Amino acid sequence: MRATRAAQRSWAIRRISFTAAVLVLISVLAGKSRACVGTECFEIWSTQSGGGALTIYFDFAGRKIQTFGPLCFNGDCLYSSSDNGFITTTPAPADGYFSLADGTDVSLEIVAIDPAVTVNVSGQNLVNPGDTILLGAAPTLHVHPTWEITVPENTSLGDYPLSFKLTTPASPPYADSQVFSVTLTDLPTPTPNQPTPSATPTATPTATPHSACPGDCNGDGIVTIAEIVSCVSAALGTGPVCAAADLDDDGKIEIGEIIAAVNSVLSGCPATPTATPTLPATLDAIQANIFSPRCALPSCHDAATQVENLDLSAGHAYAQLVGVSPVTGAAQARGLLRVDPGNPNNSFLLIKLTGPPLLSADEGLRMPETGAPLNDGEIAVISEWIAGLPKP
């Protein structure tokens, strides 16, 4: 039965060549060492100096491995994540934890696993109790397995248990760890409680870019292969992060988020109304509502700092933008101006605010760098302002 299930889990690769190509990119991502911070780390130690048992420093109480998706084909749906990761670091985090001797090999062994769950490490699937894989060797061990849930389409979302232990092939001086139990979940991450509405009506918050269509980096209602490649580049650390693919807003692109974007390519984006300006298309309105509160900030584009020689403070923005060449060499090579009067498509300001795929990796990050990206209405306001400027 398990062998049959494992074979069925490769349905996406066998049937759709595009998905296969994307999953190859994902496998490259999964094998790339990257930072492991906070709650996504299984930190590996021993219980005694120079010996004892292998152990993990991690708060297992109430924590779940959050997967993302789904990617559905032929009646089955895949939920996936590359967190949590395993890592050996030094120094030890607290009393009772000790660093492993350099060169110590550490393996992961499945003790109990839900039939819907697969753990993939370095291309090897672990699906049965007793399945074992070498994670790496101290002190540079750092691997992020692919945690997968594969369930029939329309199955209710839920939690799926997994138990494992750590072993080392050369047992002395380290004994096997205790058995650790975790839960994989495809339930969405709970959102904080909203404040109680007041008697005074308040404006409805604008949806974030990814809420309508994961991976739609330029907000045009279509996810393209170029946008998928941009997402993979961001995950590999070689390109800017597309906010529309960063589903959990943590500033990173994970495997599950790429899968969600792929699903947008294959299934299409839901229809959304055309963005309409939310402000008057005047420089005064843009200055008061966008440039001053979100761009002309300390360490950004205020009069004192002027990152990239750009001052967007009140009274200076027009002269700094309109008809001015950007300092970024790649943008200059494309013949862009910061603001090209009457030509939004040739205006680097609009490209920087929109992000990938129009913004290439060598042209810097999407702006604003802090806080949420501009929404479609704000982008439309700036585009309309540029289009209305008299051409020289």
Protein backbone atom coordinates (compact mmCIF):
# COMPACT_ATOMS: atom_id res chain seq x y z
CA MET A 1 0.00 0.00 0.00
CA ARG A 2 2.70 2.51 0.96
CA ALA A 3 4.67 1.72 -2.20
CA THR A 4 1.53 2.38 -4.24
CA ARG A 5 0.90 5.65 -2.43
CA ALA A 6 4.50 6.74 -2.94
CA ALA A 7 4.18 6.08 -6.66
CA GLN A 8 0.95 8.05 -6.83
CA ARG A 9 2.64 11.05 -5.20
CA SER A 10 4.74 11.61 -8.33
CA TRP A 11 1.65 12.33 -10.43
CA ALA A 12 2.50 15.97 -11.06
CA ILE A 13 5.99 15.16 -12.36
CA ARG A 14 4.80 12.42 -14.69
CA ARG A 15 1.85 14.24 -16.24
CA ILE A 16 2.80 17.88 -16.71
CA SER A 17 6.19 18.81 -18.10
CA PHE A 18 6.01 22.40 -16.91
CA THR A 19 5.37 21.31 -13.35
CA ALA A 20 8.27 18.89 -13.66
CA ALA A 21 10.61 21.70 -14.66
CA VAL A 22 9.47 23.82 -11.74
CA LEU A 23 9.90 20.96 -9.31
CA VAL A 24 13.48 20.53 -10.56
CA LEU A 25 14.07 24.16 -9.63
CA ILE A 26 12.44 23.50 -6.27
CA SER A 27 14.74 20.54 -5.65
CA VAL A 28 17.70 22.85 -6.26
CA LEU A 29 16.21 25.23 -3.74
CA ALA A 30 15.70 22.46 -1.20
CA GLY A 31 19.36 21.48 -1.45
CA LYS A 32 20.66 25.03 -0.99
CA SER A 33 21.85 25.88 2.50
CA ARG A 34 20.14 28.95 3.86
CA ALA A 35 19.53 30.67 7.14
CA CYS A 36 17.56 28.80 9.76
CA VAL A 37 16.16 31.14 12.39
CA GLY A 38 13.64 31.22 15.20
CA THR A 39 10.87 28.63 15.31
CA GLU A 40 11.85 26.93 12.06
CA CYS A 41 15.06 25.36 13.47
CA PHE A 42 15.53 21.87 14.85
CA GLU A 43 18.89 22.52 16.55
CA ILE A 44 20.86 19.30 17.11
CA TRP A 45 23.00 18.82 20.24
CA SER A 46 24.04 16.09 22.67
CA THR A 47 23.00 15.67 26.30
CA GLN A 48 26.56 15.42 27.66
CA SER A 49 29.89 16.98 26.86
CA GLY A 50 31.70 14.55 24.58
CA GLY A 51 28.95 11.95 24.75
CA GLY A 52 25.41 11.22 25.91
CA ALA A 53 22.45 11.02 23.55
CA LEU A 54 21.58 13.09 20.53
CA THR A 55 18.87 15.64 21.25
CA ILE A 56 17.07 18.63 19.75
CA TYR A 57 16.67 22.11 21.14
CA PHE A 58 13.19 23.13 20.03
CA ASP A 59 9.90 24.01 21.67
CA PHE A 60 7.74 21.16 20.43
CA ALA A 61 4.77 22.12 22.61
CA GLY A 62 1.95 23.23 20.38
CA ARG A 63 4.19 23.80 17.36
CA LYS A 64 3.23 22.48 13.95
CA ILE A 65 4.98 22.27 10.60
CA GLN A 66 2.92 24.62 8.46
CA THR A 67 2.59 23.50 4.85
CA PHE A 68 1.35 25.60 1.95
CA GLY A 69 -0.58 24.85 -1.19
CA PRO A 70 -2.48 23.11 -2.49
CA LEU A 71 -1.24 22.00 -5.89
CA CYS A 72 -3.98 19.73 -7.21
CA PHE A 73 -4.06 17.31 -10.17
CA ASN A 74 -6.20 14.29 -11.01
CA GLY A 75 -8.04 14.33 -7.72
CA ASP A 76 -4.99 14.62 -5.43
CA CYS A 77 -3.66 17.72 -3.69
CA LEU A 78 -0.11 18.39 -2.46
CA TYR A 79 0.71 20.66 0.48
CA SER A 80 4.40 21.33 1.05
CA SER A 81 6.97 23.29 3.05
CA SER A 82 10.75 23.41 3.49
CA ASP A 83 10.56 24.41 7.16
CA ASN A 84 11.43 23.26 9.73
CA GLY A 85 15.13 22.67 9.05
CA PHE A 86 17.81 20.72 10.91
CA ILE A 87 21.04 22.46 11.91
CA THR A 88 24.07 22.04 14.16
CA THR A 89 25.43 25.27 15.58
CA THR A 90 27.70 26.50 18.34
CA PRO A 91 27.66 27.58 21.12
CA ALA A 92 24.94 25.56 22.84
CA PRO A 93 21.75 27.53 23.60
CA ALA A 94 21.19 26.58 27.24
CA ASP A 95 22.38 24.40 30.11
CA GLY A 96 22.17 20.69 29.36
CA TYR A 97 22.95 21.02 25.64
CA PHE A 98 26.40 20.36 24.19
CA SER A 99 27.93 20.70 20.74
CA LEU A 100 28.61 17.52 18.77
CA ALA A 101 32.16 16.57 17.96
CA ASP A 102 33.21 17.74 14.51
CA GLY A 103 32.59 15.08 11.87
CA THR A 104 29.71 13.42 13.74
CA ASP A 105 27.20 12.06 11.21
CA VAL A 106 23.54 12.51 12.12
CA SER A 107 20.69 10.54 10.52
CA LEU A 108 16.92 10.95 10.67
CA GLU A 109 14.85 7.80 11.24
CA ILE A 110 11.06 7.67 10.89
CA VAL A 111 9.36 6.06 13.88
CA ALA A 112 5.69 6.64 12.99
CA ILE A 113 4.17 8.50 10.05
CA ASP A 114 0.69 9.30 8.80
CA PRO A 115 -0.08 7.65 5.42
CA ALA A 116 -0.63 11.10 3.89
CA VAL A 117 2.82 12.37 4.90
CA THR A 118 6.15 12.21 3.06
CA VAL A 119 9.49 13.59 4.25
CA ASN A 120 11.91 14.19 1.38
CA VAL A 121 15.61 14.72 2.11
CA SER A 122 18.08 15.20 -0.74
CA GLY A 123 15.70 13.56 -3.20
CA GLN A 124 14.94 10.50 -1.02
CA ASN A 125 11.37 9.97 0.19
CA LEU A 126 10.78 8.71 3.72
CA VAL A 127 7.30 7.19 3.95
CA ASN A 128 7.55 4.14 6.25
CA PRO A 129 8.60 3.56 9.85
CA GLY A 130 12.28 2.63 9.85
CA ASP A 131 13.14 4.70 6.76
CA THR A 132 16.43 6.49 7.44
CA ILE A 133 18.42 9.26 5.75
CA LEU A 134 21.75 10.91 6.54
CA LEU A 135 21.16 14.59 7.34
CA GLY A 136 24.83 15.59 7.40
CA ALA A 137 27.80 15.99 9.71
CA ALA A 138 28.59 18.43 12.51
CA PRO A 139 29.44 21.27 12.66
CA THR A 140 28.14 22.28 9.21
CA LEU A 141 24.98 20.16 9.11
CA HIS A 142 22.19 22.33 7.71
CA VAL A 143 19.35 20.77 5.73
CA HIS A 144 15.71 21.66 5.11
CA PRO A 145 13.62 18.58 4.28
CA THR A 146 10.55 18.89 2.10
CA TRP A 147 7.59 18.13 4.36
CA GLU A 148 4.63 16.99 2.24
CA ILE A 149 0.99 16.14 2.75
CA THR A 150 -0.77 14.44 -0.19
CA VAL A 151 -4.52 13.98 0.20
CA PRO A 152 -7.52 13.51 -2.11
CA GLU A 153 -8.99 16.72 -3.44
CA ASN A 154 -11.83 18.15 -1.33
CA THR A 155 -10.48 16.42 1.78
CA SER A 156 -11.09 18.48 4.91
CA LEU A 157 -7.99 20.32 6.10
CA GLY A 158 -6.37 18.90 9.20
CA ASP A 159 -3.33 17.79 11.17
CA TYR A 160 -1.07 14.81 10.38
CA PRO A 161 1.26 13.25 12.99
CA LEU A 162 4.89 12.29 12.48
CA SER A 163 7.41 10.81 14.94
CA PHE A 164 11.14 10.54 14.35
CA LYS A 165 14.45 10.14 16.13
CA LEU A 166 18.06 11.02 15.45
CA THR A 167 20.74 8.38 15.13
CA THR A 168 24.42 8.30 14.24
CA PRO A 169 25.99 5.43 12.25
CA ALA A 170 29.05 5.43 14.51
CA SER A 171 27.09 5.16 17.77
CA PRO A 172 29.89 5.76 20.31
CA PRO A 173 30.00 8.19 21.94
CA TYR A 174 26.42 9.23 21.09
CA ALA A 175 23.26 7.22 21.71
CA ASP A 176 20.07 7.59 19.69
CA SER A 177 17.86 10.50 20.63
CA GLN A 178 14.48 10.18 22.25
CA VAL A 179 11.49 9.99 19.89
CA PHE A 180 10.24 13.42 18.86
CA SER A 181 6.65 13.95 17.71
CA VAL A 182 5.53 16.77 15.46
CA THR A 183 2.38 17.60 13.54
CA LEU A 184 2.20 18.58 9.89
CA THR A 185 -0.80 20.73 9.09
CA ASP A 186 -2.48 22.10 6.00
CA LEU A 187 -4.80 24.23 8.10
CA PRO A 188 -4.18 27.92 7.40
CA THR A 189 -2.16 29.86 9.93
CA PRO A 190 -4.53 31.49 12.43
CA THR A 191 -4.86 35.23 11.99
CA PRO A 192 -4.83 37.59 14.95
CA ASN A 193 -8.18 38.60 16.37
CA GLN A 194 -9.51 41.72 14.75
CA PRO A 195 -10.40 44.69 16.97
CA THR A 196 -14.05 45.18 17.82
CA PRO A 197 -15.60 47.52 15.28
CA SER A 198 -16.44 50.96 16.59
CA ALA A 199 -19.69 52.75 15.93
CA THR A 200 -17.91 54.90 13.35
CA PRO A 201 -17.59 53.15 9.98
CA THR A 202 -14.00 52.51 8.97
CA ALA A 203 -12.48 51.97 5.57
CA THR A 204 -12.17 48.39 4.39
CA PRO A 205 -8.47 47.44 4.30
CA THR A 206 -7.05 46.97 0.82
CA ALA A 207 -6.25 43.32 0.08
CA THR A 208 -2.57 42.48 0.00
CA PRO A 209 -1.16 41.63 -3.45
CA HIS A 210 -0.96 37.89 -2.75
CA SER A 211 -4.51 37.59 -1.43
CA ALA A 212 -6.01 37.47 -4.92
CA CYS A 213 -3.47 35.36 -6.79
CA PRO A 214 -0.23 33.87 -5.36
CA GLY A 215 2.71 34.68 -7.61
CA ASP A 216 1.07 37.54 -9.53
CA CYS A 217 4.08 39.80 -8.97
CA ASN A 218 3.03 42.63 -11.27
CA GLY A 219 -0.66 42.53 -10.37
CA ASP A 220 -1.89 41.98 -13.92
CA GLY A 221 -4.12 39.03 -13.02
CA ILE A 222 -1.87 36.47 -14.75
CA VAL A 223 1.02 34.42 -13.35
CA THR A 224 3.65 33.75 -15.99
CA ILE A 225 6.63 31.40 -16.19
CA ALA A 226 8.86 34.47 -15.86
CA GLU A 227 7.20 35.27 -12.53
CA ILE A 228 7.73 31.69 -11.34
CA VAL A 229 11.41 31.97 -12.25
CA SER A 230 11.56 35.26 -10.34
CA CYS A 231 10.06 33.53 -7.29
CA VAL A 232 12.63 30.74 -7.49
CA SER A 233 15.42 33.32 -7.83
CA ALA A 234 14.15 35.10 -4.73
CA ALA A 235 14.07 31.83 -2.82
CA LEU A 236 17.66 31.15 -3.83
CA GLY A 237 18.69 34.61 -2.66
CA THR A 238 19.58 35.85 -6.14
CA GLY A 239 16.62 38.15 -6.73
CA PRO A 240 14.11 40.39 -4.98
CA VAL A 241 11.18 38.89 -3.08
CA CYS A 242 7.84 39.17 -4.85
CA ALA A 243 5.26 40.23 -2.27
CA ALA A 244 2.49 38.42 -4.15
CA ALA A 245 4.30 35.09 -3.60
CA ASP A 246 5.32 35.75 0.02
CA LEU A 247 2.13 34.26 1.46
CA ASP A 248 3.17 34.46 5.11
CA ASP A 249 4.77 37.91 4.77
CA ASP A 250 8.07 36.76 6.30
CA GLY A 251 10.28 38.31 3.62
CA LYS A 252 11.23 34.90 2.15
CA ILE A 253 9.95 32.64 -0.61
CA GLU A 254 9.58 29.01 0.43
CA ILE A 255 8.93 25.83 -1.57
CA GLY A 256 5.26 25.76 -0.60
CA GLU A 257 4.84 29.34 -1.78
CA ILE A 258 6.40 28.49 -5.14
CA ILE A 259 3.98 25.58 -5.45
CA ALA A 260 1.07 27.95 -4.76
CA ALA A 261 2.35 30.24 -7.52
CA VAL A 262 2.65 27.27 -9.92
CA ASN A 263 -0.96 26.43 -9.12
CA SER A 264 -1.88 29.97 -10.18
CA VAL A 265 -0.17 29.35 -13.55
CA LEU A 266 -2.06 26.12 -14.13
CA SER A 267 -5.46 27.11 -12.72
CA GLY A 268 -5.45 30.82 -13.46
CA CYS A 269 -6.13 33.77 -11.18
CA PRO A 270 -9.61 34.65 -10.01
CA ALA A 271 -11.11 37.62 -11.77
CA THR A 272 -10.49 40.87 -9.94
CA PRO A 273 -11.92 44.31 -10.64
CA THR A 274 -9.73 46.75 -12.49
CA ALA A 275 -7.72 48.87 -10.08
CA THR A 276 -8.97 52.42 -9.77
CA PRO A 277 -7.08 55.35 -8.31
CA THR A 278 -7.75 55.93 -4.62
CA LEU A 279 -6.26 59.46 -4.55
CA PRO A 280 -6.25 62.46 -6.85
CA ALA A 281 -3.54 61.96 -9.47
CA THR A 282 -1.59 65.02 -8.32
CA LEU A 283 1.90 65.34 -6.92
CA ASP A 284 0.52 67.01 -3.77
CA ALA A 285 -1.70 64.00 -3.03
CA ILE A 286 1.08 61.52 -3.83
CA GLN A 287 3.53 63.47 -1.68
CA ALA A 288 1.20 63.64 1.31
CA ASN A 289 -0.03 60.04 1.16
CA ILE A 290 2.90 58.07 -0.30
CA PHE A 291 6.24 59.86 -0.62
CA SER A 292 6.34 61.62 2.77
CA PRO A 293 4.99 58.83 5.04
CA ARG A 294 6.48 55.84 3.21
CA CYS A 295 9.54 56.92 1.23
CA ALA A 296 11.07 60.10 2.70
CA LEU A 297 12.07 58.29 5.90
CA PRO A 298 15.32 58.28 7.88
CA SER A 299 17.82 55.92 6.23
CA CYS A 300 15.76 55.98 3.02
CA HIS A 301 14.90 58.91 0.77
CA ASP A 302 14.72 61.83 3.19
CA ALA A 303 16.67 65.04 2.73
CA ALA A 304 19.48 63.88 5.02
CA THR A 305 20.06 60.34 3.77
CA GLN A 306 19.13 60.44 0.07
CA VAL A 307 19.75 56.76 -0.72
CA GLU A 308 20.71 56.44 -4.41
CA ASN A 309 20.96 60.25 -4.45
CA LEU A 310 17.18 60.47 -4.29
CA ASP A 311 15.35 62.94 -2.01
CA LEU A 312 11.58 62.41 -1.93
CA SER A 313 10.84 64.88 0.84
CA ALA A 314 8.21 67.58 0.32
CA GLY A 315 9.34 70.29 -2.07
CA HIS A 316 12.15 68.21 -3.58
CA ALA A 317 10.46 65.19 -5.19
CA TYR A 318 9.53 66.78 -8.53
CA ALA A 319 13.03 68.06 -9.30
CA GLN A 320 14.54 64.75 -8.16
CA LEU A 321 12.24 62.62 -10.32
CA VAL A 322 10.90 64.25 -13.47
CA GLY A 323 13.24 63.93 -16.42
CA VAL A 324 16.11 62.70 -14.22
CA SER A 325 18.21 59.65 -15.10
CA PRO A 326 18.45 56.97 -12.36
CA VAL A 327 21.82 56.22 -10.79
CA THR A 328 21.35 52.46 -11.25
CA GLY A 329 23.50 51.38 -14.19
CA ALA A 330 21.11 48.65 -15.33
CA ALA A 331 18.21 51.12 -15.44
CA GLN A 332 20.33 53.63 -17.36
CA ALA A 333 21.23 50.91 -19.87
CA ARG A 334 17.51 50.37 -20.49
CA GLY A 335 17.10 54.08 -21.24
CA LEU A 336 14.79 54.66 -18.28
CA LEU A 337 14.18 57.94 -16.48
CA ARG A 338 13.12 58.16 -12.87
CA VAL A 339 9.92 59.74 -14.19
CA ASP A 340 9.52 60.04 -17.97
CA PRO A 341 6.80 62.69 -18.48
CA GLY A 342 3.81 61.21 -20.29
CA ASN A 343 5.40 57.74 -20.38
CA PRO A 344 4.71 55.55 -17.29
CA ASN A 345 6.20 52.47 -18.99
CA ASN A 346 9.61 54.16 -19.24
CA SER A 347 9.55 55.48 -15.67
CA PHE A 348 11.90 53.71 -13.26
CA LEU A 349 9.88 54.96 -10.28
CA LEU A 350 6.86 52.97 -11.39
CA ILE A 351 8.97 49.89 -12.13
CA LYS A 352 10.56 50.05 -8.66
CA LEU A 353 7.13 50.33 -7.04
CA THR A 354 5.66 47.48 -9.12
CA GLY A 355 8.47 44.95 -8.67
CA PRO A 356 9.25 41.75 -10.63
CA PRO A 357 9.15 40.76 -13.39
CA LEU A 358 9.53 44.33 -14.71
CA LEU A 359 12.21 44.98 -12.08
CA SER A 360 15.33 42.92 -12.77
CA ALA A 361 17.64 41.57 -10.07
CA ASP A 362 20.42 44.04 -10.94
CA GLU A 363 18.09 47.02 -10.48
CA GLY A 364 17.72 46.60 -6.73
CA LEU A 365 14.76 45.82 -4.51
CA ARG A 366 11.10 46.63 -4.88
CA MET A 367 10.15 49.82 -3.06
CA PRO A 368 9.16 50.76 -0.46
CA GLU A 369 11.71 48.50 1.22
CA THR A 370 9.92 48.66 4.57
CA GLY A 371 6.21 48.16 5.09
CA ALA A 372 3.70 46.77 2.62
CA PRO A 373 4.06 47.36 -1.13
CA LEU A 374 1.79 49.96 -2.69
CA ASN A 375 -1.61 48.60 -3.57
CA ASP A 376 -3.02 48.58 -7.09
CA GLY A 377 -4.93 51.81 -6.54
CA GLU A 378 -1.83 53.68 -5.35
CA ILE A 379 0.16 52.37 -8.32
CA ALA A 380 -2.64 53.54 -10.61
CA VAL A 381 -2.52 57.04 -9.08
CA ILE A 382 1.21 57.40 -9.74
CA SER A 383 0.85 55.99 -13.26
CA GLU A 384 -1.93 58.47 -14.02
CA TRP A 385 0.14 61.36 -12.63
CA ILE A 386 3.12 60.41 -14.83
CA ALA A 387 0.90 59.98 -17.89
CA GLY A 388 -0.53 63.47 -17.35
CA LEU A 389 2.83 65.24 -17.12
CA PRO A 390 3.61 67.39 -20.18
CA LYS A 391 6.25 65.93 -22.43
CA PRO A 392 9.34 68.10 -22.92
